[in-house]
Amino acid sequence: MVMELKAGGKKAVSVDRLREIFEALPEAPQATLLDFAEFLAARHPPAHLPMGEPEDIPRPPRESVVKAIKRLSATYPMLDRSTMLNDTSSLMSQHIMQGRSAKEVIDDLEALFHREYEKQRSSDS
């Protein structure tokens, strides 16, 4: 099956071509391409999806801040993460640049995602 995707509204790129590119890359660039695709998907969530409930993904012990952001993104797939980008980046910076503990930053990230979920849920009602 060949499905056409519009890239910037100008050029059509097939899923088959994306697959060819992906499969030709070494493992590390494949991961980067997938991260970028997930970033784009997060910035442009489908408008037709209902709000839905968060996924039940438990917090593992000794989780890194990056893994927590990925977990929370999967927990709340209905959120537009671009609206939280500034706050998320600020919290990440507090951890990396200022040495704030991962546990504290992850607690704040969880609160941030939950607040954004509640805000969107109440505005959809």
PDB file of N, CA and C in Angstrom:
ATOM      1  N   MET A   1       0.844  -1.178   0.000  1.00  0.00           N
ATOM      2  CA  MET A   1       0.000   0.000   0.000  1.00  0.00           C
ATOM      3  C   MET A   1       0.893   1.246   0.000  1.00  0.00           C
ATOM      4  N   VAL A   2       0.608   2.165  -0.887  1.00  0.00           N
ATOM      5  CA  VAL A   2       1.338   3.417  -0.932  1.00  0.00           C
ATOM      6  C   VAL A   2       0.385   4.503  -0.483  1.00  0.00           C
ATOM      7  N   MET A   3       0.771   5.177   0.569  1.00  0.00           N
ATOM      8  CA  MET A   3      -0.046   6.254   1.116  1.00  0.00           C
ATOM      9  C   MET A   3       0.720   7.548   0.921  1.00  0.00           C
ATOM     10  N   GLU A   4       0.093   8.546   0.381  1.00  0.00           N
ATOM     11  CA  GLU A   4       0.769   9.811   0.130  1.00  0.00           C
ATOM     12  C   GLU A   4       0.671  10.723   1.347  1.00  0.00           C
ATOM     13  N   LEU A   5       1.778  11.341   1.689  1.00  0.00           N
ATOM     14  CA  LEU A   5       1.840  12.323   2.763  1.00  0.00           C
ATOM     15  C   LEU A   5       2.217  13.654   2.155  1.00  0.00           C
ATOM     16  N   LYS A   6       1.620  14.709   2.592  1.00  0.00           N
ATOM     17  CA  LYS A   6       1.979  16.035   2.114  1.00  0.00           C
ATOM     18  C   LYS A   6       3.086  16.577   2.995  1.00  0.00           C
ATOM     19  N   ALA A   7       4.195  16.932   2.419  1.00  0.00           N
ATOM     20  CA  ALA A   7       5.317  17.511   3.145  1.00  0.00           C
ATOM     21  C   ALA A   7       5.335  18.994   2.848  1.00  0.00           C
ATOM     22  N   GLY A   8       4.919  19.802   3.810  1.00  0.00           N
ATOM     23  CA  GLY A   8       4.894  21.244   3.623  1.00  0.00           C
ATOM     24  C   GLY A   8       3.876  21.687   2.599  1.00  0.00           C
ATOM     25  N   GLY A   9       2.946  20.812   2.222  1.00  0.00           N
ATOM     26  CA  GLY A   9       1.908  21.179   1.282  1.00  0.00           C
ATOM     27  C   GLY A   9       2.403  21.285  -0.152  1.00  0.00           C
ATOM     28  N   LYS A  10       3.691  21.035  -0.427  1.00  0.00           N
ATOM     29  CA  LYS A  10       4.249  21.239  -1.757  1.00  0.00           C
ATOM     30  C   LYS A  10       4.574  19.937  -2.462  1.00  0.00           C
ATOM     31  N   LYS A  11       5.079  18.970  -1.727  1.00  0.00           N
ATOM     32  CA  LYS A  11       5.645  17.789  -2.349  1.00  0.00           C
ATOM     33  C   LYS A  11       5.075  16.541  -1.689  1.00  0.00           C
ATOM     34  N   ALA A  12       4.679  15.574  -2.475  1.00  0.00           N
ATOM     35  CA  ALA A  12       4.165  14.318  -1.930  1.00  0.00           C
ATOM     36  C   ALA A  12       5.314  13.341  -1.742  1.00  0.00           C
ATOM     37  N   VAL A  13       5.345  12.704  -0.589  1.00  0.00           N
ATOM     38  CA  VAL A  13       6.370  11.723  -0.291  1.00  0.00           C
ATOM     39  C   VAL A  13       5.658  10.453   0.149  1.00  0.00           C
ATOM     40  N   SER A  14       5.990   9.335  -0.434  1.00  0.00           N
ATOM     41  CA  SER A  14       5.280   8.101  -0.088  1.00  0.00           C
ATOM     42  C   SER A  14       5.849   7.480   1.184  1.00  0.00           C
ATOM     43  N   VAL A  15       5.015   6.720   1.836  1.00  0.00           N
ATOM     44  CA  VAL A  15       5.442   5.975   3.016  1.00  0.00           C
ATOM     45  C   VAL A  15       6.540   4.991   2.622  1.00  0.00           C
ATOM     46  N   ASP A  16       6.420   4.440   1.418  1.00  0.00           N
ATOM     47  CA  ASP A  16       7.459   3.518   0.948  1.00  0.00           C
ATOM     48  C   ASP A  16       8.820   4.208   0.885  1.00  0.00           C
ATOM     49  N   ARG A  17       8.861   5.440   0.423  1.00  0.00           N
ATOM     50  CA  ARG A  17      10.137   6.175   0.346  1.00  0.00           C
ATOM     51  C   ARG A  17      10.678   6.434   1.745  1.00  0.00           C
ATOM     52  N   LEU A  18       9.813   6.803   2.661  1.00  0.00           N
ATOM     53  CA  LEU A  18      10.252   7.014   4.049  1.00  0.00           C
ATOM     54  C   LEU A  18      10.812   5.720   4.628  1.00  0.00           C
ATOM     55  N   ARG A  19      10.159   4.610   4.320  1.00  0.00           N
ATOM     56  CA  ARG A  19      10.635   3.303   4.795  1.00  0.00           C
ATOM     57  C   ARG A  19      12.014   3.003   4.206  1.00  0.00           C
ATOM     58  N   GLU A  20      12.195   3.281   2.896  1.00  0.00           N
ATOM     59  CA  GLU A  20      13.497   3.056   2.256  1.00  0.00           C
ATOM     60  C   GLU A  20      14.598   3.858   2.952  1.00  0.00           C
ATOM     61  N   ILE A  21      14.314   5.113   3.211  1.00  0.00           N
ATOM     62  CA  ILE A  21      15.293   5.982   3.869  1.00  0.00           C
ATOM     63  C   ILE A  21      15.608   5.448   5.266  1.00  0.00           C
ATOM     64  N   PHE A  22      14.567   5.131   6.006  1.00  0.00           N
ATOM     65  CA  PHE A  22      14.727   4.633   7.370  1.00  0.00           C
ATOM     66  C   PHE A  22      15.585   3.369   7.384  1.00  0.00           C
ATOM     67  N   GLU A  23      15.262   2.414   6.511  1.00  0.00           N
ATOM     68  CA  GLU A  23      15.974   1.141   6.499  1.00  0.00           C
ATOM     69  C   GLU A  23      17.420   1.276   6.029  1.00  0.00           C
ATOM     70  N   ALA A  24      17.727   2.329   5.248  1.00  0.00           N
ATOM     71  CA  ALA A  24      19.094   2.538   4.767  1.00  0.00           C
ATOM     72  C   ALA A  24      19.998   3.187   5.814  1.00  0.00           C
ATOM     73  N   LEU A  25      19.401   3.750   6.847  1.00  0.00           N
ATOM     74  CA  LEU A  25      20.173   4.445   7.880  1.00  0.00           C
ATOM     75  C   LEU A  25      20.702   3.479   8.934  1.00  0.00           C
ATOM     76  N   PRO A  26      21.850   3.803   9.534  1.00  0.00           N
ATOM     77  CA  PRO A  26      22.316   3.040  10.700  1.00  0.00           C
ATOM     78  C   PRO A  26      21.346   3.232  11.876  1.00  0.00           C
ATOM     79  N   GLU A  27      21.528   2.451  12.902  1.00  0.00           N
ATOM     80  CA  GLU A  27      20.598   2.425  14.041  1.00  0.00           C
ATOM     81  C   GLU A  27      20.420   3.792  14.718  1.00  0.00           C
ATOM     82  N   ALA A  28      21.493   4.498  15.001  1.00  0.00           N
ATOM     83  CA  ALA A  28      21.393   5.787  15.709  1.00  0.00           C
ATOM     84  C   ALA A  28      20.603   6.822  14.901  1.00  0.00           C
ATOM     85  N   PRO A  29      20.894   7.010  13.602  1.00  0.00           N
ATOM     86  CA  PRO A  29      20.072   7.953  12.831  1.00  0.00           C
ATOM     87  C   PRO A  29      18.616   7.494  12.678  1.00  0.00           C
ATOM     88  N   GLN A  30      18.381   6.168  12.681  1.00  0.00           N
ATOM     89  CA  GLN A  30      17.001   5.686  12.655  1.00  0.00           C
ATOM     90  C   GLN A  30      16.258   6.173  13.889  1.00  0.00           C
ATOM     91  N   ALA A  31      16.902   6.084  15.039  1.00  0.00           N
ATOM     92  CA  ALA A  31      16.281   6.551  16.286  1.00  0.00           C
ATOM     93  C   ALA A  31      16.023   8.045  16.223  1.00  0.00           C
ATOM     94  N   THR A  32      16.950   8.798  15.639  1.00  0.00           N
ATOM     95  CA  THR A  32      16.774  10.244  15.502  1.00  0.00           C
ATOM     96  C   THR A  32      15.593  10.557  14.586  1.00  0.00           C
ATOM     97  N   LEU A  33      15.499   9.835  13.467  1.00  0.00           N
ATOM     98  CA  LEU A  33      14.380  10.037  12.537  1.00  0.00           C
ATOM     99  C   LEU A  33      13.052   9.734  13.213  1.00  0.00           C
ATOM    100  N   LEU A  34      13.007   8.664  13.981  1.00  0.00           N
ATOM    101  CA  LEU A  34      11.786   8.313  14.700  1.00  0.00           C
ATOM    102  C   LEU A  34      11.445   9.366  15.745  1.00  0.00           C
ATOM    103  N   ASP A  35      12.456   9.853  16.486  1.00  0.00           N
ATOM    104  CA  ASP A  35      12.219  10.924  17.464  1.00  0.00           C
ATOM    105  C   ASP A  35      11.651  12.164  16.786  1.00  0.00           C
ATOM    106  N   PHE A  36      12.209  12.509  15.619  1.00  0.00           N
ATOM    107  CA  PHE A  36      11.732  13.681  14.900  1.00  0.00           C
ATOM    108  C   PHE A  36      10.301  13.480  14.418  1.00  0.00           C
ATOM    109  N   ALA A  37       9.996  12.285  13.921  1.00  0.00           N
ATOM    110  CA  ALA A  37       8.621  12.005  13.477  1.00  0.00           C
ATOM    111  C   ALA A  37       7.648  12.107  14.647  1.00  0.00           C
ATOM    112  N   GLU A  38       8.052  11.601  15.815  1.00  0.00           N
ATOM    113  CA  GLU A  38       7.197  11.692  16.995  1.00  0.00           C
ATOM    114  C   GLU A  38       7.034  13.141  17.437  1.00  0.00           C
ATOM    115  N   PHE A  39       8.096  13.930  17.330  1.00  0.00           N
ATOM    116  CA  PHE A  39       8.029  15.358  17.644  1.00  0.00           C
ATOM    117  C   PHE A  39       7.018  16.043  16.730  1.00  0.00           C
ATOM    118  N   LEU A  40       7.099  15.776  15.432  1.00  0.00           N
ATOM    119  CA  LEU A  40       6.156  16.391  14.490  1.00  0.00           C
ATOM    120  C   LEU A  40       4.721  15.943  14.762  1.00  0.00           C
ATOM    121  N   ALA A  41       4.551  14.666  15.050  1.00  0.00           N
ATOM    122  CA  ALA A  41       3.212  14.156  15.347  1.00  0.00           C
ATOM    123  C   ALA A  41       2.649  14.818  16.605  1.00  0.00           C
ATOM    124  N   ALA A  42       3.496  15.066  17.582  1.00  0.00           N
ATOM    125  CA  ALA A  42       3.056  15.716  18.817  1.00  0.00           C
ATOM    126  C   ALA A  42       2.667  17.170  18.579  1.00  0.00           C
ATOM    127  N   ARG A  43       3.358  17.831  17.667  1.00  0.00           N
ATOM    128  CA  ARG A  43       3.055  19.236  17.365  1.00  0.00           C
ATOM    129  C   ARG A  43       1.807  19.389  16.532  1.00  0.00           C
ATOM    130  N   HIS A  44       1.408  18.324  15.845  1.00  0.00           N
ATOM    131  CA  HIS A  44       0.253  18.379  14.955  1.00  0.00           C
ATOM    132  C   HIS A  44      -0.681  17.208  15.228  1.00  0.00           C
ATOM    133  N   PRO A  45      -1.269  17.187  16.432  1.00  0.00           N
ATOM    134  CA  PRO A  45      -2.146  16.062  16.767  1.00  0.00           C
ATOM    135  C   PRO A  45      -3.408  16.110  15.917  1.00  0.00           C
ATOM    136  N   PRO A  46      -3.967  14.949  15.587  1.00  0.00           N
ATOM    137  CA  PRO A  46      -5.214  14.927  14.821  1.00  0.00           C
ATOM    138  C   PRO A  46      -6.324  15.619  15.593  1.00  0.00           C
ATOM    139  N   ALA A  47      -7.008  16.525  14.941  1.00  0.00           N
ATOM    140  CA  ALA A  47      -8.063  17.304  15.600  1.00  0.00           C
ATOM    141  C   ALA A  47      -9.302  16.473  15.875  1.00  0.00           C
ATOM    142  N   HIS A  48      -9.469  15.377  15.164  1.00  0.00           N
ATOM    143  CA  HIS A  48     -10.692  14.593  15.289  1.00  0.00           C
ATOM    144  C   HIS A  48     -10.703  13.636  16.478  1.00  0.00           C
ATOM    145  N   LEU A  49      -9.584  13.479  17.178  1.00  0.00           N
ATOM    146  CA  LEU A  49      -9.545  12.541  18.291  1.00  0.00           C
ATOM    147  C   LEU A  49     -10.275  13.099  19.510  1.00  0.00           C
ATOM    148  N   PRO A  50     -11.071  12.263  20.167  1.00  0.00           N
ATOM    149  CA  PRO A  50     -11.715  12.716  21.399  1.00  0.00           C
ATOM    150  C   PRO A  50     -10.668  12.853  22.502  1.00  0.00           C
ATOM    151  N   MET A  51     -11.026  13.592  23.547  1.00  0.00           N
ATOM    152  CA  MET A  51     -10.087  13.848  24.626  1.00  0.00           C
ATOM    153  C   MET A  51      -9.579  12.549  25.233  1.00  0.00           C
ATOM    154  N   GLY A  52     -10.443  11.646  25.558  1.00  0.00           N
ATOM    155  CA  GLY A  52     -10.018  10.364  26.104  1.00  0.00           C
ATOM    156  C   GLY A  52      -9.398  10.475  27.481  1.00  0.00           C
ATOM    157  N   GLU A  53      -9.113   9.331  28.036  1.00  0.00           N
ATOM    158  CA  GLU A  53      -8.504   9.242  29.358  1.00  0.00           C
ATOM    159  C   GLU A  53      -7.005   8.983  29.210  1.00  0.00           C
ATOM    160  N   PRO A  54      -6.220   9.445  30.183  1.00  0.00           N
ATOM    161  CA  PRO A  54      -4.782   9.165  30.136  1.00  0.00           C
ATOM    162  C   PRO A  54      -4.523   7.657  30.213  1.00  0.00           C
ATOM    163  N   GLU A  55      -3.433   7.234  29.602  1.00  0.00           N
ATOM    164  CA  GLU A  55      -3.001   5.839  29.694  1.00  0.00           C
ATOM    165  C   GLU A  55      -2.477   5.603  31.110  1.00  0.00           C
ATOM    166  N   ASP A  56      -2.580   4.381  31.567  1.00  0.00           N
ATOM    167  CA  ASP A  56      -2.071   4.030  32.888  1.00  0.00           C
ATOM    168  C   ASP A  56      -0.660   3.458  32.743  1.00  0.00           C
ATOM    169  N   ILE A  57       0.320   4.358  32.727  1.00  0.00           N
ATOM    170  CA  ILE A  57       1.721   3.943  32.608  1.00  0.00           C
ATOM    171  C   ILE A  57       2.412   4.305  33.920  1.00  0.00           C
ATOM    172  N   PRO A  58       2.698   3.310  34.740  1.00  0.00           N
ATOM    173  CA  PRO A  58       3.282   3.602  36.054  1.00  0.00           C
ATOM    174  C   PRO A  58       4.694   4.180  35.951  1.00  0.00           C
ATOM    175  N   ARG A  59       5.020   4.971  36.940  1.00  0.00           N
ATOM    176  CA  ARG A  59       6.350   5.583  37.030  1.00  0.00           C
ATOM    177  C   ARG A  59       7.339   4.548  37.549  1.00  0.00           C
ATOM    178  N   PRO A  60       8.353   4.242  36.736  1.00  0.00           N
ATOM    179  CA  PRO A  60       9.335   3.258  37.210  1.00  0.00           C
ATOM    180  C   PRO A  60      10.283   3.871  38.239  1.00  0.00           C
ATOM    181  N   PRO A  61      10.893   3.034  39.051  1.00  0.00           N
ATOM    182  CA  PRO A  61      11.887   3.558  39.986  1.00  0.00           C
ATOM    183  C   PRO A  61      13.115   4.045  39.220  1.00  0.00           C
ATOM    184  N   ARG A  62      13.744   5.059  39.739  1.00  0.00           N
ATOM    185  CA  ARG A  62      14.987   5.603  39.174  1.00  0.00           C
ATOM    186  C   ARG A  62      14.848   5.983  37.700  1.00  0.00           C
ATOM    187  N   GLU A  63      13.777   6.666  37.367  1.00  0.00           N
ATOM    188  CA  GLU A  63      13.512   7.110  35.995  1.00  0.00           C
ATOM    189  C   GLU A  63      14.292   8.381  35.699  1.00  0.00           C
ATOM    190  N   SER A  64      14.817   8.492  34.491  1.00  0.00           N
ATOM    191  CA  SER A  64      15.496   9.727  34.089  1.00  0.00           C
ATOM    192  C   SER A  64      14.444  10.760  33.673  1.00  0.00           C
ATOM    193  N   VAL A  65      14.842  12.012  33.632  1.00  0.00           N
ATOM    194  CA  VAL A  65      13.916  13.083  33.244  1.00  0.00           C
ATOM    195  C   VAL A  65      13.477  12.899  31.791  1.00  0.00           C
ATOM    196  N   VAL A  66      14.401  12.539  30.918  1.00  0.00           N
ATOM    197  CA  VAL A  66      14.052  12.332  29.501  1.00  0.00           C
ATOM    198  C   VAL A  66      13.043  11.197  29.361  1.00  0.00           C
ATOM    199  N   LYS A  67      13.287  10.093  30.058  1.00  0.00           N
ATOM    200  CA  LYS A  67      12.351   8.963  30.000  1.00  0.00           C
ATOM    201  C   LYS A  67      11.000   9.354  30.596  1.00  0.00           C
ATOM    202  N   ALA A  68      11.006  10.200  31.623  1.00  0.00           N
ATOM    203  CA  ALA A  68       9.745  10.649  32.212  1.00  0.00           C
ATOM    204  C   ALA A  68       8.939  11.466  31.209  1.00  0.00           C
ATOM    205  N   ILE A  69       9.612  12.317  30.446  1.00  0.00           N
ATOM    206  CA  ILE A  69       8.911  13.114  29.435  1.00  0.00           C
ATOM    207  C   ILE A  69       8.300  12.189  28.386  1.00  0.00           C
ATOM    208  N   LYS A  70       9.043  11.180  27.979  1.00  0.00           N
ATOM    209  CA  LYS A  70       8.509  10.212  27.007  1.00  0.00           C
ATOM    210  C   LYS A  70       7.324   9.453  27.592  1.00  0.00           C
ATOM    211  N   ARG A  71       7.451   9.036  28.856  1.00  0.00           N
ATOM    212  CA  ARG A  71       6.353   8.308  29.517  1.00  0.00           C
ATOM    213  C   ARG A  71       5.118   9.186  29.627  1.00  0.00           C
ATOM    214  N   LEU A  72       5.311  10.439  30.034  1.00  0.00           N
ATOM    215  CA  LEU A  72       4.174  11.343  30.189  1.00  0.00           C
ATOM    216  C   LEU A  72       3.546  11.682  28.837  1.00  0.00           C
ATOM    217  N   SER A  73       4.352  11.769  27.800  1.00  0.00           N
ATOM    218  CA  SER A  73       3.823  11.996  26.453  1.00  0.00           C
ATOM    219  C   SER A  73       2.966  10.809  26.018  1.00  0.00           C
ATOM    220  N   ALA A  74       3.385   9.594  26.389  1.00  0.00           N
ATOM    221  CA  ALA A  74       2.598   8.405  26.072  1.00  0.00           C
ATOM    222  C   ALA A  74       1.371   8.298  26.977  1.00  0.00           C
ATOM    223  N   THR A  75       1.507   8.761  28.209  1.00  0.00           N
ATOM    224  CA  THR A  75       0.385   8.734  29.149  1.00  0.00           C
ATOM    225  C   THR A  75      -0.723   9.681  28.711  1.00  0.00           C
ATOM    226  N   TYR A  76      -0.319  10.825  28.183  1.00  0.00           N
ATOM    227  CA  TYR A  76      -1.269  11.861  27.755  1.00  0.00           C
ATOM    228  C   TYR A  76      -1.115  12.122  26.248  1.00  0.00           C
ATOM    229  N   PRO A  77      -1.421  11.123  25.392  1.00  0.00           N
ATOM    230  CA  PRO A  77      -1.215  11.318  23.952  1.00  0.00           C
ATOM    231  C   PRO A  77      -2.135  12.375  23.353  1.00  0.00           C
ATOM    232  N   MET A  78      -3.188  12.718  24.067  1.00  0.00           N
ATOM    233  CA  MET A  78      -4.157  13.685  23.548  1.00  0.00           C
ATOM    234  C   MET A  78      -3.706  15.141  23.715  1.00  0.00           C
ATOM    235  N   LEU A  79      -2.628  15.372  24.440  1.00  0.00           N
ATOM    236  CA  LEU A  79      -2.173  16.736  24.695  1.00  0.00           C
ATOM    237  C   LEU A  79      -1.291  17.249  23.572  1.00  0.00           C
ATOM    238  N   ASP A  80      -1.407  18.524  23.309  1.00  0.00           N
ATOM    239  CA  ASP A  80      -0.520  19.202  22.363  1.00  0.00           C
ATOM    240  C   ASP A  80       0.694  19.652  23.169  1.00  0.00           C
ATOM    241  N   ARG A  81       1.781  18.906  23.044  1.00  0.00           N
ATOM    242  CA  ARG A  81       2.957  19.185  23.863  1.00  0.00           C
ATOM    243  C   ARG A  81       3.637  20.494  23.516  1.00  0.00           C
ATOM    244  N   SER A  82       3.326  21.050  22.362  1.00  0.00           N
ATOM    245  CA  SER A  82       3.930  22.345  22.013  1.00  0.00           C
ATOM    246  C   SER A  82       3.460  23.434  22.977  1.00  0.00           C
ATOM    247  N   THR A  83       2.277  23.268  23.559  1.00  0.00           N
ATOM    248  CA  THR A  83       1.791  24.263  24.520  1.00  0.00           C
ATOM    249  C   THR A  83       2.538  24.177  25.847  1.00  0.00           C
ATOM    250  N   MET A  84       3.208  23.054  26.082  1.00  0.00           N
ATOM    251  CA  MET A  84       3.948  22.852  27.335  1.00  0.00           C
ATOM    252  C   MET A  84       5.458  22.910  27.121  1.00  0.00           C
ATOM    253  N   LEU A  85       5.873  23.208  25.900  1.00  0.00           N
ATOM    254  CA  LEU A  85       7.293  23.158  25.555  1.00  0.00           C
ATOM    255  C   LEU A  85       8.146  24.060  26.445  1.00  0.00           C
ATOM    256  N   ASN A  86       7.699  25.279  26.679  1.00  0.00           N
ATOM    257  CA  ASN A  86       8.472  26.209  27.493  1.00  0.00           C
ATOM    258  C   ASN A  86       8.637  25.693  28.918  1.00  0.00           C
ATOM    259  N   ASP A  87       7.542  25.249  29.518  1.00  0.00           N
ATOM    260  CA  ASP A  87       7.600  24.746  30.893  1.00  0.00           C
ATOM    261  C   ASP A  87       8.425  23.465  30.984  1.00  0.00           C
ATOM    262  N   THR A  88       8.257  22.575  30.007  1.00  0.00           N
ATOM    263  CA  THR A  88       9.013  21.329  29.996  1.00  0.00           C
ATOM    264  C   THR A  88      10.508  21.609  29.851  1.00  0.00           C
ATOM    265  N   SER A  89      10.843  22.511  28.938  1.00  0.00           N
ATOM    266  CA  SER A  89      12.253  22.872  28.737  1.00  0.00           C
ATOM    267  C   SER A  89      12.850  23.508  29.979  1.00  0.00           C
ATOM    268  N   SER A  90      12.079  24.349  30.637  1.00  0.00           N
ATOM    269  CA  SER A  90      12.546  25.001  31.859  1.00  0.00           C
ATOM    270  C   SER A  90      12.846  23.970  32.949  1.00  0.00           C
ATOM    271  N   LEU A  91      11.957  22.995  33.099  1.00  0.00           N
ATOM    272  CA  LEU A  91      12.179  21.956  34.100  1.00  0.00           C
ATOM    273  C   LEU A  91      13.395  21.100  33.754  1.00  0.00           C
ATOM    274  N   MET A  92      13.542  20.767  32.482  1.00  0.00           N
ATOM    275  CA  MET A  92      14.701  19.995  32.050  1.00  0.00           C
ATOM    276  C   MET A  92      15.985  20.777  32.331  1.00  0.00           C
ATOM    277  N   SER A  93      15.954  22.068  32.071  1.00  0.00           N
ATOM    278  CA  SER A  93      17.114  22.929  32.315  1.00  0.00           C
ATOM    279  C   SER A  93      17.453  22.993  33.804  1.00  0.00           C
ATOM    280  N   GLN A  94      16.435  23.046  34.644  1.00  0.00           N
ATOM    281  CA  GLN A  94      16.676  23.057  36.091  1.00  0.00           C
ATOM    282  C   GLN A  94      17.426  21.800  36.516  1.00  0.00           C
ATOM    283  N   HIS A  95      17.092  20.693  35.882  1.00  0.00           N
ATOM    284  CA  HIS A  95      17.750  19.431  36.221  1.00  0.00           C
ATOM    285  C   HIS A  95      19.192  19.414  35.697  1.00  0.00           C
ATOM    286  N   ILE A  96      19.368  19.753  34.424  1.00  0.00           N
ATOM    287  CA  ILE A  96      20.688  19.646  33.793  1.00  0.00           C
ATOM    288  C   ILE A  96      21.629  20.759  34.225  1.00  0.00           C
ATOM    289  N   MET A  97      21.152  21.991  34.170  1.00  0.00           N
ATOM    290  CA  MET A  97      22.027  23.145  34.409  1.00  0.00           C
ATOM    291  C   MET A  97      22.149  23.516  35.882  1.00  0.00           C
ATOM    292  N   GLN A  98      21.084  23.316  36.636  1.00  0.00           N
ATOM    293  CA  GLN A  98      21.095  23.758  38.020  1.00  0.00           C
ATOM    294  C   GLN A  98      21.212  22.607  39.013  1.00  0.00           C
ATOM    295  N   GLY A  99      21.229  21.387  38.508  1.00  0.00           N
ATOM    296  CA  GLY A  99      21.431  20.240  39.384  1.00  0.00           C
ATOM    297  C   GLY A  99      20.242  19.849  40.237  1.00  0.00           C
ATOM    298  N   ARG A 100      19.065  20.313  39.863  1.00  0.00           N
ATOM    299  CA  ARG A 100      17.867  19.925  40.616  1.00  0.00           C
ATOM    300  C   ARG A 100      17.633  18.430  40.439  1.00  0.00           C
ATOM    301  N   SER A 101      17.212  17.753  41.487  1.00  0.00           N
ATOM    302  CA  SER A 101      17.089  16.297  41.435  1.00  0.00           C
ATOM    303  C   SER A 101      16.048  15.853  40.412  1.00  0.00           C
ATOM    304  N   ALA A 102      16.332  14.698  39.795  1.00  0.00           N
ATOM    305  CA  ALA A 102      15.414  14.136  38.800  1.00  0.00           C
ATOM    306  C   ALA A 102      14.045  13.884  39.421  1.00  0.00           C
ATOM    307  N   LYS A 103      14.024  13.386  40.663  1.00  0.00           N
ATOM    308  CA  LYS A 103      12.748  13.088  41.321  1.00  0.00           C
ATOM    309  C   LYS A 103      11.875  14.333  41.424  1.00  0.00           C
ATOM    310  N   GLU A 104      12.449  15.446  41.854  1.00  0.00           N
ATOM    311  CA  GLU A 104      11.687  16.691  41.988  1.00  0.00           C
ATOM    312  C   GLU A 104      11.192  17.197  40.632  1.00  0.00           C
ATOM    313  N   VAL A 105      12.065  17.136  39.634  1.00  0.00           N
ATOM    314  CA  VAL A 105      11.700  17.602  38.293  1.00  0.00           C
ATOM    315  C   VAL A 105      10.601  16.720  37.716  1.00  0.00           C
ATOM    316  N   ILE A 106      10.716  15.420  37.898  1.00  0.00           N
ATOM    317  CA  ILE A 106       9.691  14.503  37.385  1.00  0.00           C
ATOM    318  C   ILE A 106       8.364  14.736  38.099  1.00  0.00           C
ATOM    319  N   ASP A 107       8.406  14.985  39.408  1.00  0.00           N
ATOM    320  CA  ASP A 107       7.173  15.325  40.132  1.00  0.00           C
ATOM    321  C   ASP A 107       6.511  16.547  39.495  1.00  0.00           C
ATOM    322  N   ASP A 108       7.307  17.563  39.191  1.00  0.00           N
ATOM    323  CA  ASP A 108       6.767  18.781  38.574  1.00  0.00           C
ATOM    324  C   ASP A 108       6.270  18.523  37.155  1.00  0.00           C
ATOM    325  N   LEU A 109       6.972  17.675  36.411  1.00  0.00           N
ATOM    326  CA  LEU A 109       6.515  17.325  35.059  1.00  0.00           C
ATOM    327  C   LEU A 109       5.176  16.608  35.113  1.00  0.00           C
ATOM    328  N   GLU A 110       5.040  15.680  36.050  1.00  0.00           N
ATOM    329  CA  GLU A 110       3.762  14.979  36.198  1.00  0.00           C
ATOM    330  C   GLU A 110       2.642  15.955  36.515  1.00  0.00           C
ATOM    331  N   ALA A 111       2.912  16.901  37.391  1.00  0.00           N
ATOM    332  CA  ALA A 111       1.907  17.904  37.737  1.00  0.00           C
ATOM    333  C   ALA A 111       1.571  18.779  36.527  1.00  0.00           C
ATOM    334  N   LEU A 112       2.582  19.152  35.756  1.00  0.00           N
ATOM    335  CA  LEU A 112       2.378  19.969  34.561  1.00  0.00           C
ATOM    336  C   LEU A 112       1.488  19.251  33.550  1.00  0.00           C
ATOM    337  N   PHE A 113       1.793  17.994  33.246  1.00  0.00           N
ATOM    338  CA  PHE A 113       0.989  17.240  32.283  1.00  0.00           C
ATOM    339  C   PHE A 113      -0.441  17.061  32.808  1.00  0.00           C
ATOM    340  N   HIS A 114      -0.575  16.769  34.091  1.00  0.00           N
ATOM    341  CA  HIS A 114      -1.914  16.588  34.660  1.00  0.00           C
ATOM    342  C   HIS A 114      -2.723  17.888  34.591  1.00  0.00           C
ATOM    343  N   ARG A 115      -2.094  19.011  34.937  1.00  0.00           N
ATOM    344  CA  ARG A 115      -2.791  20.317  34.859  1.00  0.00           C
ATOM    345  C   ARG A 115      -3.243  20.604  33.430  1.00  0.00           C
ATOM    346  N   GLU A 116      -2.359  20.362  32.466  1.00  0.00           N
ATOM    347  CA  GLU A 116      -2.700  20.618  31.064  1.00  0.00           C
ATOM    348  C   GLU A 116      -3.852  19.712  30.619  1.00  0.00           C
ATOM    349  N   TYR A 117      -3.831  18.469  31.068  1.00  0.00           N
ATOM    350  CA  TYR A 117      -4.921  17.547  30.747  1.00  0.00           C
ATOM    351  C   TYR A 117      -6.240  18.060  31.324  1.00  0.00           C
ATOM    352  N   GLU A 118      -6.216  18.436  32.597  1.00  0.00           N
ATOM    353  CA  GLU A 118      -7.438  18.936  33.239  1.00  0.00           C
ATOM    354  C   GLU A 118      -7.935  20.209  32.562  1.00  0.00           C
ATOM    355  N   LYS A 119      -7.017  21.078  32.185  1.00  0.00           N
ATOM    356  CA  LYS A 119      -7.379  22.329  31.508  1.00  0.00           C
ATOM    357  C   LYS A 119      -8.056  22.030  30.164  1.00  0.00           C
ATOM    358  N   GLN A 120      -7.481  21.140  29.386  1.00  0.00           N
ATOM    359  CA  GLN A 120      -8.075  20.796  28.095  1.00  0.00           C
ATOM    360  C   GLN A 120      -9.387  20.066  28.259  1.00  0.00           C
ATOM    361  N   ARG A 121      -9.453  19.191  29.246  1.00  0.00           N
ATOM    362  CA  ARG A 121     -10.688  18.436  29.480  1.00  0.00           C
ATOM    363  C   ARG A 121     -11.829  19.369  29.861  1.00  0.00           C
ATOM    364  N   SER A 122     -11.537  20.339  30.719  1.00  0.00           N
ATOM    365  CA  SER A 122     -12.596  21.278  31.136  1.00  0.00           C
ATOM    366  C   SER A 122     -12.998  22.206  30.003  1.00  0.00           C
ATOM    367  N   SER A 123     -12.069  22.535  29.106  1.00  0.00           N
ATOM    368  CA  SER A 123     -12.422  23.408  27.979  1.00  0.00           C
ATOM    369  C   SER A 123     -13.196  22.648  26.912  1.00  0.00           C
ATOM    370  N   ASP A 124     -13.048  21.317  26.871  1.00  0.00           N
ATOM    371  CA  ASP A 124     -13.791  20.495  25.911  1.00  0.00           C
ATOM    372  C   ASP A 124     -15.222  20.227  26.378  1.00  0.00           C
ATOM    373  N   SER A 125     -15.478  20.433  27.667  1.00  0.00           N
ATOM    374  CA  SER A 125     -16.812  20.141  28.227  1.00  0.00           C
ATOM    375  C   SER A 125     -17.829  21.177  27.839  1.00  0.00           C
TER     376      SER A 125
END
